[in-house]
PDB file of N, CA and C in Angstrom:
ATOM      1  N   MET A   1       0.863  -1.232   0.008  1.00  0.00           N
ATOM      2  CA  MET A   1       0.009  -0.008  -0.035  1.00  0.00           C
ATOM      3  C   MET A   1       0.884   1.242   0.026  1.00  0.00           C
ATOM      4  N   PRO A   2       0.605   2.118  -0.941  1.00  0.00           N
ATOM      5  CA  PRO A   2       1.522   3.357  -0.989  1.00  0.00           C
ATOM      6  C   PRO A   2       1.260   4.273   0.204  1.00  0.00           C
ATOM      7  N   GLU A   3       2.312   5.018   0.551  1.00  0.00           N
ATOM      8  CA  GLU A   3       2.223   6.014   1.607  1.00  0.00           C
ATOM      9  C   GLU A   3       1.973   7.399   0.932  1.00  0.00           C
ATOM     10  N   LEU A   4       1.042   8.133   1.522  1.00  0.00           N
ATOM     11  CA  LEU A   4       0.762   9.481   0.977  1.00  0.00           C
ATOM     12  C   LEU A   4       1.230  10.470   2.071  1.00  0.00           C
ATOM     13  N   ARG A   5       1.939  11.513   1.637  1.00  0.00           N
ATOM     14  CA  ARG A   5       2.441  12.476   2.609  1.00  0.00           C
ATOM     15  C   ARG A   5       2.464  13.900   1.989  1.00  0.00           C
ATOM     16  N   LYS A   6       2.486  14.904   2.881  1.00  0.00           N
ATOM     17  CA  LYS A   6       2.655  16.282   2.414  1.00  0.00           C
ATOM     18  C   LYS A   6       4.109  16.661   2.758  1.00  0.00           C
ATOM     19  N   ASN A   7       4.848  16.999   1.675  1.00  0.00           N
ATOM     20  CA  ASN A   7       6.248  17.487   1.824  1.00  0.00           C
ATOM     21  C   ASN A   7       6.271  18.965   1.722  1.00  0.00           C
ATOM     22  N   GLU A   8       6.219  19.645   2.933  1.00  0.00           N
ATOM     23  CA  GLU A   8       6.138  21.100   2.947  1.00  0.00           C
ATOM     24  C   GLU A   8       7.412  21.755   2.433  1.00  0.00           C
ATOM     25  N   GLN A   9       8.578  21.128   2.661  1.00  0.00           N
ATOM     26  CA  GLN A   9       9.887  21.674   2.209  1.00  0.00           C
ATOM     27  C   GLN A   9       9.911  21.827   0.664  1.00  0.00           C
ATOM     28  N   GLN A  10       9.307  20.878  -0.040  1.00  0.00           N
ATOM     29  CA  GLN A  10       9.321  20.909  -1.484  1.00  0.00           C
ATOM     30  C   GLN A  10       7.979  21.343  -2.072  1.00  0.00           C
ATOM     31  N   SER A  11       7.045  21.764  -1.237  1.00  0.00           N
ATOM     32  CA  SER A  11       5.679  22.234  -1.627  1.00  0.00           C
ATOM     33  C   SER A  11       5.036  21.210  -2.558  1.00  0.00           C
ATOM     34  N   ARG A  12       4.902  19.987  -2.093  1.00  0.00           N
ATOM     35  CA  ARG A  12       4.228  19.003  -2.937  1.00  0.00           C
ATOM     36  C   ARG A  12       3.644  17.879  -2.007  1.00  0.00           C
ATOM     37  N   TYR A  13       2.588  17.292  -2.530  1.00  0.00           N
ATOM     38  CA  TYR A  13       2.085  16.037  -1.971  1.00  0.00           C
ATOM     39  C   TYR A  13       2.722  14.917  -2.701  1.00  0.00           C
ATOM     40  N   GLU A  14       3.079  13.871  -1.958  1.00  0.00           N
ATOM     41  CA  GLU A  14       3.813  12.776  -2.539  1.00  0.00           C
ATOM     42  C   GLU A  14       3.141  11.433  -2.297  1.00  0.00           C
ATOM     43  N   VAL A  15       3.352  10.522  -3.225  1.00  0.00           N
ATOM     44  CA  VAL A  15       3.017   9.102  -3.017  1.00  0.00           C
ATOM     45  C   VAL A  15       4.304   8.348  -3.104  1.00  0.00           C
ATOM     46  N   VAL A  16       4.475   7.504  -2.046  1.00  0.00           N
ATOM     47  CA  VAL A  16       5.758   6.794  -1.860  1.00  0.00           C
ATOM     48  C   VAL A  16       5.491   5.298  -1.806  1.00  0.00           C
ATOM     49  N   GLU A  17       6.283   4.545  -2.582  1.00  0.00           N
ATOM     50  CA  GLU A  17       6.218   3.111  -2.582  1.00  0.00           C
ATOM     51  C   GLU A  17       7.640   2.585  -2.491  1.00  0.00           C
ATOM     52  N   GLY A  18       7.843   1.666  -1.492  1.00  0.00           N
ATOM     53  CA  GLY A  18       9.171   1.067  -1.310  1.00  0.00           C
ATOM     54  C   GLY A  18      10.273   2.139  -1.015  1.00  0.00           C
ATOM     55  N   GLY A  19       9.850   3.184  -0.297  1.00  0.00           N
ATOM     56  CA  GLY A  19      10.865   4.222   0.028  1.00  0.00           C
ATOM     57  C   GLY A  19      11.126   5.221  -1.125  1.00  0.00           C
ATOM     58  N   GLN A  20      10.518   4.995  -2.242  1.00  0.00           N
ATOM     59  CA  GLN A  20      10.726   5.887  -3.407  1.00  0.00           C
ATOM     60  C   GLN A  20       9.532   6.751  -3.667  1.00  0.00           C
ATOM     61  N   VAL A  21       9.759   8.000  -4.004  1.00  0.00           N
ATOM     62  CA  VAL A  21       8.641   8.865  -4.451  1.00  0.00           C
ATOM     63  C   VAL A  21       8.339   8.464  -5.902  1.00  0.00           C
ATOM     64  N   VAL A  22       7.067   7.991  -6.053  1.00  0.00           N
ATOM     65  CA  VAL A  22       6.725   7.546  -7.459  1.00  0.00           C
ATOM     66  C   VAL A  22       5.627   8.492  -8.030  1.00  0.00           C
ATOM     67  N   GLY A  23       5.269   9.527  -7.262  1.00  0.00           N
ATOM     68  CA  GLY A  23       4.304  10.501  -7.829  1.00  0.00           C
ATOM     69  C   GLY A  23       4.216  11.704  -6.929  1.00  0.00           C
ATOM     70  N   PHE A  24       3.862  12.771  -7.462  1.00  0.00           N
ATOM     71  CA  PHE A  24       3.694  13.999  -6.651  1.00  0.00           C
ATOM     72  C   PHE A  24       2.743  15.009  -7.332  1.00  0.00           C
ATOM     73  N   ALA A  25       2.157  15.836  -6.500  1.00  0.00           N
ATOM     74  CA  ALA A  25       1.351  16.975  -6.924  1.00  0.00           C
ATOM     75  C   ALA A  25       1.896  18.191  -6.315  1.00  0.00           C
ATOM     76  N   GLU A  26       2.401  19.122  -7.144  1.00  0.00           N
ATOM     77  CA  GLU A  26       2.909  20.372  -6.636  1.00  0.00           C
ATOM     78  C   GLU A  26       1.805  21.230  -6.118  1.00  0.00           C
ATOM     79  N   TYR A  27       2.103  22.088  -5.152  1.00  0.00           N
ATOM     80  CA  TYR A  27       1.085  23.047  -4.651  1.00  0.00           C
ATOM     81  C   TYR A  27       1.767  24.352  -4.295  1.00  0.00           C
ATOM     82  N   ARG A  28       1.002  25.407  -4.328  1.00  0.00           N
ATOM     83  CA  ARG A  28       1.454  26.732  -3.959  1.00  0.00           C
ATOM     84  C   ARG A  28       0.355  27.440  -3.178  1.00  0.00           C
ATOM     85  N   GLU A  29       0.626  27.776  -1.939  1.00  0.00           N
ATOM     86  CA  GLU A  29      -0.390  28.463  -1.127  1.00  0.00           C
ATOM     87  C   GLU A  29      -0.447  29.914  -1.467  1.00  0.00           C
ATOM     88  N   ASP A  30      -1.635  30.441  -1.677  1.00  0.00           N
ATOM     89  CA  ASP A  30      -1.853  31.845  -2.079  1.00  0.00           C
ATOM     90  C   ASP A  30      -3.036  32.388  -1.201  1.00  0.00           C
ATOM     91  N   GLY A  31      -2.680  32.751   0.057  1.00  0.00           N
ATOM     92  CA  GLY A  31      -3.651  33.251   0.922  1.00  0.00           C
ATOM     93  C   GLY A  31      -4.616  32.095   1.342  1.00  0.00           C
ATOM     94  N   GLU A  32      -5.904  32.286   1.045  1.00  0.00           N
ATOM     95  CA  GLU A  32      -6.880  31.271   1.350  1.00  0.00           C
ATOM     96  C   GLU A  32      -7.107  30.259   0.220  1.00  0.00           C
ATOM     97  N   LYS A  33      -6.222  30.324  -0.758  1.00  0.00           N
ATOM     98  CA  LYS A  33      -6.300  29.423  -1.882  1.00  0.00           C
ATOM     99  C   LYS A  33      -5.004  28.538  -1.962  1.00  0.00           C
ATOM    100  N   VAL A  34      -5.207  27.343  -2.484  1.00  0.00           N
ATOM    101  CA  VAL A  34      -4.060  26.482  -2.728  1.00  0.00           C
ATOM    102  C   VAL A  34      -4.081  26.185  -4.242  1.00  0.00           C
ATOM    103  N   VAL A  35      -3.048  26.558  -4.938  1.00  0.00           N
ATOM    104  CA  VAL A  35      -2.958  26.340  -6.374  1.00  0.00           C
ATOM    105  C   VAL A  35      -2.287  24.956  -6.564  1.00  0.00           C
ATOM    106  N   LEU A  36      -2.865  24.111  -7.378  1.00  0.00           N
ATOM    107  CA  LEU A  36      -2.315  22.816  -7.747  1.00  0.00           C
ATOM    108  C   LEU A  36      -1.958  22.868  -9.201  1.00  0.00           C
ATOM    109  N   PRO A  37      -0.677  23.211  -9.566  1.00  0.00           N
ATOM    110  CA  PRO A  37      -0.340  23.406 -10.968  1.00  0.00           C
ATOM    111  C   PRO A  37       0.108  22.189 -11.748  1.00  0.00           C
ATOM    112  N   HIS A  38       0.569  21.139 -11.022  1.00  0.00           N
ATOM    113  CA  HIS A  38       1.213  20.033 -11.736  1.00  0.00           C
ATOM    114  C   HIS A  38       1.198  18.750 -10.950  1.00  0.00           C
ATOM    115  N   THR A  39       0.898  17.653 -11.651  1.00  0.00           N
ATOM    116  CA  THR A  39       0.857  16.328 -11.076  1.00  0.00           C
ATOM    117  C   THR A  39       1.673  15.367 -11.888  1.00  0.00           C
ATOM    118  N   VAL A  40       2.498  14.610 -11.262  1.00  0.00           N
ATOM    119  CA  VAL A  40       3.366  13.617 -12.021  1.00  0.00           C
ATOM    120  C   VAL A  40       3.290  12.249 -11.347  1.00  0.00           C
ATOM    121  N   VAL A  41       3.137  11.185 -12.165  1.00  0.00           N
ATOM    122  CA  VAL A  41       3.295   9.815 -11.767  1.00  0.00           C
ATOM    123  C   VAL A  41       4.383   9.266 -12.584  1.00  0.00           C
ATOM    124  N   GLU A  42       5.396   8.609 -11.929  1.00  0.00           N
ATOM    125  CA  GLU A  42       6.582   8.117 -12.612  1.00  0.00           C
ATOM    126  C   GLU A  42       6.210   7.062 -13.709  1.00  0.00           C
ATOM    127  N   PRO A  43       6.959   7.032 -14.756  1.00  0.00           N
ATOM    128  CA  PRO A  43       6.655   5.960 -15.768  1.00  0.00           C
ATOM    129  C   PRO A  43       6.779   4.584 -15.110  1.00  0.00           C
ATOM    130  N   GLY A  44       5.913   3.701 -15.515  1.00  0.00           N
ATOM    131  CA  GLY A  44       5.885   2.383 -14.899  1.00  0.00           C
ATOM    132  C   GLY A  44       4.882   2.275 -13.793  1.00  0.00           C
ATOM    133  N   HIS A  45       4.386   3.416 -13.361  1.00  0.00           N
ATOM    134  CA  HIS A  45       3.374   3.427 -12.235  1.00  0.00           C
ATOM    135  C   HIS A  45       2.062   4.006 -12.669  1.00  0.00           C
ATOM    136  N   GLU A  46       1.888   4.316 -14.003  1.00  0.00           N
ATOM    137  CA  GLU A  46       0.640   4.790 -14.490  1.00  0.00           C
ATOM    138  C   GLU A  46      -0.319   3.651 -14.471  1.00  0.00           C
ATOM    139  N   GLY A  47      -1.641   3.986 -14.330  1.00  0.00           N
ATOM    140  CA  GLY A  47      -2.697   2.935 -14.328  1.00  0.00           C
ATOM    141  C   GLY A  47      -2.858   2.250 -13.042  1.00  0.00           C
ATOM    142  N   GLU A  48      -2.092   2.604 -11.963  1.00  0.00           N
ATOM    143  CA  GLU A  48      -2.205   1.969 -10.670  1.00  0.00           C
ATOM    144  C   GLU A  48      -3.138   2.748  -9.708  1.00  0.00           C
ATOM    145  N   GLY A  49      -3.707   3.812 -10.222  1.00  0.00           N
ATOM    146  CA  GLY A  49      -4.624   4.611  -9.375  1.00  0.00           C
ATOM    147  C   GLY A  49      -3.891   5.605  -8.438  1.00  0.00           C
ATOM    148  N   LEU A  50      -2.541   5.744  -8.626  1.00  0.00           N
ATOM    149  CA  LEU A  50      -1.763   6.594  -7.694  1.00  0.00           C
ATOM    150  C   LEU A  50      -2.168   8.038  -7.868  1.00  0.00           C
ATOM    151  N   GLY A  51      -2.333   8.483  -9.106  1.00  0.00           N
ATOM    152  CA  GLY A  51      -2.756   9.846  -9.333  1.00  0.00           C
ATOM    153  C   GLY A  51      -4.025  10.204  -8.661  1.00  0.00           C
ATOM    154  N   SER A  52      -5.003   9.278  -8.720  1.00  0.00           N
ATOM    155  CA  SER A  52      -6.286   9.547  -8.067  1.00  0.00           C
ATOM    156  C   SER A  52      -6.111   9.587  -6.557  1.00  0.00           C
ATOM    157  N   GLN A  53      -5.273   8.686  -5.935  1.00  0.00           N
ATOM    158  CA  GLN A  53      -5.048   8.680  -4.598  1.00  0.00           C
ATOM    159  C   GLN A  53      -4.413  10.011  -4.100  1.00  0.00           C
ATOM    160  N   LEU A  54      -3.460  10.511  -4.958  1.00  0.00           N
ATOM    161  CA  LEU A  54      -2.814  11.748  -4.669  1.00  0.00           C
ATOM    162  C   LEU A  54      -3.739  12.893  -4.763  1.00  0.00           C
ATOM    163  N   ALA A  55      -4.594  12.934  -5.748  1.00  0.00           N
ATOM    164  CA  ALA A  55      -5.561  13.997  -5.882  1.00  0.00           C
ATOM    165  C   ALA A  55      -6.532  14.040  -4.688  1.00  0.00           C
ATOM    166  N   ARG A  56      -7.045  12.922  -4.320  1.00  0.00           N
ATOM    167  CA  ARG A  56      -7.926  12.799  -3.177  1.00  0.00           C
ATOM    168  C   ARG A  56      -7.240  13.324  -1.879  1.00  0.00           C
ATOM    169  N   PHE A  57      -5.998  12.848  -1.671  1.00  0.00           N
ATOM    170  CA  PHE A  57      -5.209  13.216  -0.495  1.00  0.00           C
ATOM    171  C   PHE A  57      -5.026  14.759  -0.426  1.00  0.00           C
ATOM    172  N   ALA A  58      -4.627  15.305  -1.594  1.00  0.00           N
ATOM    173  CA  ALA A  58      -4.384  16.767  -1.656  1.00  0.00           C
ATOM    174  C   ALA A  58      -5.646  17.551  -1.421  1.00  0.00           C
ATOM    175  N   LEU A  59      -6.701  17.150  -2.099  1.00  0.00           N
ATOM    176  CA  LEU A  59      -7.986  17.882  -1.924  1.00  0.00           C
ATOM    177  C   LEU A  59      -8.560  17.733  -0.481  1.00  0.00           C
ATOM    178  N   ASP A  60      -8.388  16.543   0.114  1.00  0.00           N
ATOM    179  CA  ASP A  60      -8.857  16.465   1.539  1.00  0.00           C
ATOM    180  C   ASP A  60      -7.983  17.306   2.418  1.00  0.00           C
ATOM    181  N   ASP A  61      -6.740  17.441   2.151  1.00  0.00           N
ATOM    182  CA  ASP A  61      -5.886  18.361   2.970  1.00  0.00           C
ATOM    183  C   ASP A  61      -6.302  19.805   2.855  1.00  0.00           C
ATOM    184  N   VAL A  62      -6.581  20.224   1.587  1.00  0.00           N
ATOM    185  CA  VAL A  62      -7.087  21.619   1.371  1.00  0.00           C
ATOM    186  C   VAL A  62      -8.399  21.823   2.127  1.00  0.00           C
ATOM    187  N   ARG A  63      -9.222  20.879   2.083  1.00  0.00           N
ATOM    188  CA  ARG A  63     -10.568  20.958   2.773  1.00  0.00           C
ATOM    189  C   ARG A  63     -10.346  21.060   4.278  1.00  0.00           C
ATOM    190  N   GLN A  64      -9.463  20.257   4.800  1.00  0.00           N
ATOM    191  CA  GLN A  64      -9.194  20.246   6.256  1.00  0.00           C
ATOM    192  C   GLN A  64      -8.577  21.606   6.692  1.00  0.00           C
ATOM    193  N   ALA A  65      -7.820  22.192   5.831  1.00  0.00           N
ATOM    194  CA  ALA A  65      -7.205  23.463   6.208  1.00  0.00           C
ATOM    195  C   ALA A  65      -8.212  24.664   6.019  1.00  0.00           C
ATOM    196  N   GLY A  66      -9.429  24.359   5.486  1.00  0.00           N
ATOM    197  CA  GLY A  66     -10.468  25.361   5.330  1.00  0.00           C
ATOM    198  C   GLY A  66     -10.183  26.349   4.162  1.00  0.00           C
ATOM    199  N   LYS A  67      -9.396  25.857   3.183  1.00  0.00           N
ATOM    200  CA  LYS A  67      -9.077  26.729   1.989  1.00  0.00           C
ATOM    201  C   LYS A  67      -9.794  26.228   0.776  1.00  0.00           C
ATOM    202  N   LYS A  68      -9.630  26.967  -0.260  1.00  0.00           N
ATOM    203  CA  LYS A  68     -10.171  26.684  -1.618  1.00  0.00           C
ATOM    204  C   LYS A  68      -8.999  26.224  -2.503  1.00  0.00           C
ATOM    205  N   VAL A  69      -9.332  25.512  -3.567  1.00  0.00           N
ATOM    206  CA  VAL A  69      -8.294  25.055  -4.498  1.00  0.00           C
ATOM    207  C   VAL A  69      -8.475  25.711  -5.860  1.00  0.00           C
ATOM    208  N   VAL A  70      -7.322  26.003  -6.508  1.00  0.00           N
ATOM    209  CA  VAL A  70      -7.222  26.440  -7.832  1.00  0.00           C
ATOM    210  C   VAL A  70      -6.602  25.315  -8.647  1.00  0.00           C
ATOM    211  N   PRO A  71      -7.455  24.457  -9.329  1.00  0.00           N
ATOM    212  CA  PRO A  71      -6.929  23.268 -10.032  1.00  0.00           C
ATOM    213  C   PRO A  71      -6.419  23.636 -11.396  1.00  0.00           C
ATOM    214  N   SER A  72      -5.233  24.191 -11.476  1.00  0.00           N
ATOM    215  CA  SER A  72      -4.690  24.581 -12.792  1.00  0.00           C
ATOM    216  C   SER A  72      -4.068  23.369 -13.497  1.00  0.00           C
ATOM    217  N   CYS A  73      -3.920  22.311 -12.740  1.00  0.00           N
ATOM    218  CA  CYS A  73      -3.390  21.024 -13.348  1.00  0.00           C
ATOM    219  C   CYS A  73      -4.609  20.304 -13.953  1.00  0.00           C
ATOM    220  N   ALA A  74      -4.458  19.912 -15.246  1.00  0.00           N
ATOM    221  CA  ALA A  74      -5.586  19.277 -15.987  1.00  0.00           C
ATOM    222  C   ALA A  74      -5.988  17.944 -15.250  1.00  0.00           C
ATOM    223  N   PHE A  75      -5.047  17.221 -14.667  1.00  0.00           N
ATOM    224  CA  PHE A  75      -5.392  16.000 -14.013  1.00  0.00           C
ATOM    225  C   PHE A  75      -6.265  16.210 -12.811  1.00  0.00           C
ATOM    226  N   ILE A  76      -5.879  17.165 -11.937  1.00  0.00           N
ATOM    227  CA  ILE A  76      -6.649  17.547 -10.788  1.00  0.00           C
ATOM    228  C   ILE A  76      -7.991  18.062 -11.131  1.00  0.00           C
ATOM    229  N   ARG A  77      -8.038  18.933 -12.179  1.00  0.00           N
ATOM    230  CA  ARG A  77      -9.317  19.480 -12.632  1.00  0.00           C
ATOM    231  C   ARG A  77     -10.268  18.349 -13.074  1.00  0.00           C
ATOM    232  N   GLY A  78      -9.714  17.393 -13.817  1.00  0.00           N
ATOM    233  CA  GLY A  78     -10.538  16.217 -14.276  1.00  0.00           C
ATOM    234  C   GLY A  78     -11.033  15.410 -13.163  1.00  0.00           C
ATOM    235  N   TYR A  79     -10.173  15.239 -12.095  1.00  0.00           N
ATOM    236  CA  TYR A  79     -10.534  14.391 -10.940  1.00  0.00           C
ATOM    237  C   TYR A  79     -11.741  15.101 -10.287  1.00  0.00           C
ATOM    238  N   ILE A  80     -11.662  16.428 -10.138  1.00  0.00           N
ATOM    239  CA  ILE A  80     -12.777  17.118  -9.481  1.00  0.00           C
ATOM    240  C   ILE A  80     -14.084  17.031 -10.282  1.00  0.00           C
ATOM    241  N   GLU A  81     -13.936  17.080 -11.615  1.00  0.00           N
ATOM    242  CA  GLU A  81     -15.083  16.946 -12.483  1.00  0.00           C
ATOM    243  C   GLU A  81     -15.777  15.574 -12.312  1.00  0.00           C
ATOM    244  N   LYS A  82     -14.961  14.568 -12.056  1.00  0.00           N
ATOM    245  CA  LYS A  82     -15.503  13.147 -11.878  1.00  0.00           C
ATOM    246  C   LYS A  82     -16.003  12.881 -10.468  1.00  0.00           C
ATOM    247  N   HIS A  83     -15.573  13.696  -9.498  1.00  0.00           N
ATOM    248  CA  HIS A  83     -15.914  13.515  -8.093  1.00  0.00           C
ATOM    249  C   HIS A  83     -16.537  14.763  -7.531  1.00  0.00           C
ATOM    250  N   ALA A  84     -17.827  14.904  -7.703  1.00  0.00           N
ATOM    251  CA  ALA A  84     -18.553  16.139  -7.433  1.00  0.00           C
ATOM    252  C   ALA A  84     -18.458  16.542  -6.011  1.00  0.00           C
ATOM    253  N   GLU A  85     -18.130  15.616  -5.100  1.00  0.00           N
ATOM    254  CA  GLU A  85     -17.969  15.969  -3.691  1.00  0.00           C
ATOM    255  C   GLU A  85     -16.850  16.954  -3.435  1.00  0.00           C
ATOM    256  N   TYR A  86     -16.024  17.174  -4.440  1.00  0.00           N
ATOM    257  CA  TYR A  86     -14.925  18.186  -4.312  1.00  0.00           C
ATOM    258  C   TYR A  86     -15.247  19.498  -5.017  1.00  0.00           C
ATOM    259  N   ALA A  87     -16.342  19.548  -5.692  1.00  0.00           N
ATOM    260  CA  ALA A  87     -16.647  20.791  -6.532  1.00  0.00           C
ATOM    261  C   ALA A  87     -16.700  22.000  -5.675  1.00  0.00           C
ATOM    262  N   ASP A  88     -17.154  21.885  -4.431  1.00  0.00           N
ATOM    263  CA  ASP A  88     -17.281  23.087  -3.585  1.00  0.00           C
ATOM    264  C   ASP A  88     -15.939  23.686  -3.181  1.00  0.00           C
ATOM    265  N   LEU A  89     -14.853  22.940  -3.373  1.00  0.00           N
ATOM    266  CA  LEU A  89     -13.525  23.413  -3.010  1.00  0.00           C
ATOM    267  C   LEU A  89     -12.937  24.360  -4.040  1.00  0.00           C
ATOM    268  N   VAL A  90     -13.466  24.363  -5.263  1.00  0.00           N
ATOM    269  CA  VAL A  90     -12.901  25.109  -6.314  1.00  0.00           C
ATOM    270  C   VAL A  90     -13.134  26.646  -6.043  1.00  0.00           C
ATOM    271  N   ALA A  91     -12.035  27.363  -6.090  1.00  0.00           N
ATOM    272  CA  ALA A  91     -12.114  28.826  -5.839  1.00  0.00           C
ATOM    273  C   ALA A  91     -12.771  29.447  -7.036  1.00  0.00           C
ATOM    274  N   GLN A  92     -13.694  30.385  -6.752  1.00  0.00           N
ATOM    275  CA  GLN A  92     -14.445  31.155  -7.780  1.00  0.00           C
ATOM    276  C   GLN A  92     -13.722  32.403  -8.191  1.00  0.00           C
ATOM    277  N   GLY A  93     -13.735  32.776  -9.451  1.00  0.00           N
ATOM    278  CA  GLY A  93     -13.144  33.978  -9.946  1.00  0.00           C
ATOM    279  C   GLY A  93     -11.866  33.771 -10.395  1.00  0.00           C
TER     280      GLY A  93
END
């Protein structure tokens, strides 16, 4: 089972398997908003659902912090479109 963690030093959410970072979602805090500009899953790990786990972890963290999200990453934006329970997190304007 992969480990999910928030790496504040590198401003990214990470998914770790076997001690190796195999995927990450970068973030940038902007006041009451969290911008998610880029998500990467390492070659050889696509199709394992890691990107979705990462998206859910990041969005849950933003919700817990009481902030809104700016999903400028196409993957995160697509995840939100497929999971309506996160639609309320999207910053307006």
